[in-house]
Amino acid sequence: MRTTLDIEDDVLYAAKELAARERVTASVLISRLLRAAISGTAGAQPDRTAAPRAVAGFQPFEAQGVLVTNAQINALRDVEGV
């Protein structure tokens, strides 16, 4: 079913990144996440025993539960003069 939703930019970027990691479309991922949230299974913790997969040749840090936006990164670059 098609519909139009207004999704905040940071949420959409995060959903697209997760979708790319799982090799699914953003629509599939968002439907899966909403279904889990509605059914009450969204709080289930992922398997932390598996090593994180490298992204673009870099080993990612473990999730801290906070979304970092490009605006925050650019602000830090400005402060550091990078």
C-alpha atoms as a PDB file:
ATOM      1  CA  MET A   1       0.000   0.000   0.000  1.00  0.00           C
ATOM      2  CA  ARG A   2       1.256   3.461  -0.810  1.00  0.00           C
ATOM      3  CA  THR A   3       0.864   6.419   1.525  1.00  0.00           C
ATOM      4  CA  THR A   4       2.711   9.644   2.256  1.00  0.00           C
ATOM      5  CA  LEU A   5       4.358  10.274   5.616  1.00  0.00           C
ATOM      6  CA  ASP A   6       6.463  13.137   6.936  1.00  0.00           C
ATOM      7  CA  ILE A   7       9.518  11.558   8.573  1.00  0.00           C
ATOM      8  CA  GLU A   8      12.170  13.689  10.229  1.00  0.00           C
ATOM      9  CA  ASP A   9      15.433  13.755   8.291  1.00  0.00           C
ATOM     10  CA  ASP A  10      17.595  12.155  10.979  1.00  0.00           C
ATOM     11  CA  VAL A  11      15.148   9.264  11.371  1.00  0.00           C
ATOM     12  CA  LEU A  12      14.974   8.704   7.619  1.00  0.00           C
ATOM     13  CA  TYR A  13      18.776   8.760   7.257  1.00  0.00           C
ATOM     14  CA  ALA A  14      19.118   6.258  10.099  1.00  0.00           C
ATOM     15  CA  ALA A  15      16.449   4.009   8.545  1.00  0.00           C
ATOM     16  CA  LYS A  16      18.192   4.128   5.161  1.00  0.00           C
ATOM     17  CA  GLU A  17      21.539   3.268   6.773  1.00  0.00           C
ATOM     18  CA  LEU A  18      20.014   0.324   8.644  1.00  0.00           C
ATOM     19  CA  ALA A  19      18.250  -0.817   5.485  1.00  0.00           C
ATOM     20  CA  ALA A  20      21.515  -0.728   3.546  1.00  0.00           C
ATOM     21  CA  ARG A  21      23.246  -2.773   6.252  1.00  0.00           C
ATOM     22  CA  GLU A  22      20.478  -5.369   6.157  1.00  0.00           C
ATOM     23  CA  ARG A  23      20.301  -5.228   2.350  1.00  0.00           C
ATOM     24  CA  VAL A  24      16.592  -4.412   2.273  1.00  0.00           C
ATOM     25  CA  THR A  25      14.671  -1.347   1.122  1.00  0.00           C
ATOM     26  CA  ALA A  26      13.896   1.457   3.538  1.00  0.00           C
ATOM     27  CA  SER A  27      10.187   0.632   3.119  1.00  0.00           C
ATOM     28  CA  VAL A  28      10.734  -2.960   4.224  1.00  0.00           C
ATOM     29  CA  LEU A  29      12.839  -1.879   7.198  1.00  0.00           C
ATOM     30  CA  ILE A  30      10.405   0.821   8.334  1.00  0.00           C
ATOM     31  CA  SER A  31       7.472  -1.609   8.055  1.00  0.00           C
ATOM     32  CA  ARG A  32       9.404  -4.171  10.105  1.00  0.00           C
ATOM     33  CA  LEU A  33      10.286  -1.595  12.781  1.00  0.00           C
ATOM     34  CA  LEU A  34       6.732  -0.280  13.010  1.00  0.00           C
ATOM     35  CA  ARG A  35       5.333  -3.811  13.200  1.00  0.00           C
ATOM     36  CA  ALA A  36       7.740  -4.596  16.062  1.00  0.00           C
ATOM     37  CA  ALA A  37       6.832  -1.372  17.870  1.00  0.00           C
ATOM     38  CA  ILE A  38       3.097  -1.965  17.519  1.00  0.00           C
ATOM     39  CA  SER A  39       3.333  -5.607  18.611  1.00  0.00           C
ATOM     40  CA  GLY A  40       5.489  -4.736  21.617  1.00  0.00           C
ATOM     41  CA  THR A  41       8.541  -6.692  20.481  1.00  0.00           C
ATOM     42  CA  ALA A  42      10.587  -3.566  19.708  1.00  0.00           C
ATOM     43  CA  GLY A  43      12.389  -3.747  23.064  1.00  0.00           C
ATOM     44  CA  ALA A  44      14.050  -7.053  22.221  1.00  0.00           C
ATOM     45  CA  GLN A  45      17.818  -6.707  22.339  1.00  0.00           C
ATOM     46  CA  PRO A  46      19.888  -7.746  19.318  1.00  0.00           C
ATOM     47  CA  ASP A  47      22.509 -10.483  19.612  1.00  0.00           C
ATOM     48  CA  ARG A  48      25.619  -8.706  20.945  1.00  0.00           C
ATOM     49  CA  THR A  49      27.824 -11.798  20.736  1.00  0.00           C
ATOM     50  CA  ALA A  50      28.332 -11.407  16.986  1.00  0.00           C
ATOM     51  CA  ALA A  51      31.164  -9.108  15.926  1.00  0.00           C
ATOM     52  CA  PRO A  52      29.947  -5.901  14.228  1.00  0.00           C
ATOM     53  CA  ARG A  53      30.321  -5.996  10.467  1.00  0.00           C
ATOM     54  CA  ALA A  54      32.771  -3.576   8.870  1.00  0.00           C
ATOM     55  CA  VAL A  55      31.161  -0.648   7.052  1.00  0.00           C
ATOM     56  CA  ALA A  56      33.056   0.885   4.127  1.00  0.00           C
ATOM     57  CA  GLY A  57      36.230  -0.737   5.434  1.00  0.00           C
ATOM     58  CA  PHE A  58      35.838   0.633   8.973  1.00  0.00           C
ATOM     59  CA  GLN A  59      34.956  -1.325  12.099  1.00  0.00           C
ATOM     60  CA  PRO A  60      32.077   0.581  13.761  1.00  0.00           C
ATOM     61  CA  PHE A  61      31.992   1.407  17.446  1.00  0.00           C
ATOM     62  CA  GLU A  62      29.396  -0.328  19.606  1.00  0.00           C
ATOM     63  CA  ALA A  63      26.079   1.530  19.674  1.00  0.00           C
ATOM     64  CA  GLN A  64      25.707   4.049  22.486  1.00  0.00           C
ATOM     65  CA  GLY A  65      21.946   4.482  22.047  1.00  0.00           C
ATOM     66  CA  VAL A  66      22.345   7.982  20.603  1.00  0.00           C
ATOM     67  CA  LEU A  67      21.891   9.051  16.987  1.00  0.00           C
ATOM     68  CA  VAL A  68      24.691  11.324  15.729  1.00  0.00           C
ATOM     69  CA  THR A  69      23.594  13.614  12.912  1.00  0.00           C
ATOM     70  CA  ASN A  70      25.655  15.130  10.111  1.00  0.00           C
ATOM     71  CA  ALA A  71      24.876  18.565  11.566  1.00  0.00           C
ATOM     72  CA  GLN A  72      26.551  17.551  14.845  1.00  0.00           C
ATOM     73  CA  ILE A  73      29.575  16.197  12.969  1.00  0.00           C
ATOM     74  CA  ASN A  74      29.860  19.396  10.907  1.00  0.00           C
ATOM     75  CA  ALA A  75      29.621  21.513  14.069  1.00  0.00           C
ATOM     76  CA  LEU A  76      32.478  19.515  15.622  1.00  0.00           C
ATOM     77  CA  ARG A  77      34.528  19.965  12.447  1.00  0.00           C
ATOM     78  CA  ASP A  78      33.949  23.725  12.629  1.00  0.00           C
ATOM     79  CA  VAL A  79      35.043  23.834  16.277  1.00  0.00           C
ATOM     80  CA  GLU A  80      38.159  21.756  15.572  1.00  0.00           C
ATOM     81  CA  GLY A  81      38.959  23.648  12.360  1.00  0.00           C
ATOM     82  CA  VAL A  82      38.916  20.533  10.234  1.00  0.00           C
END
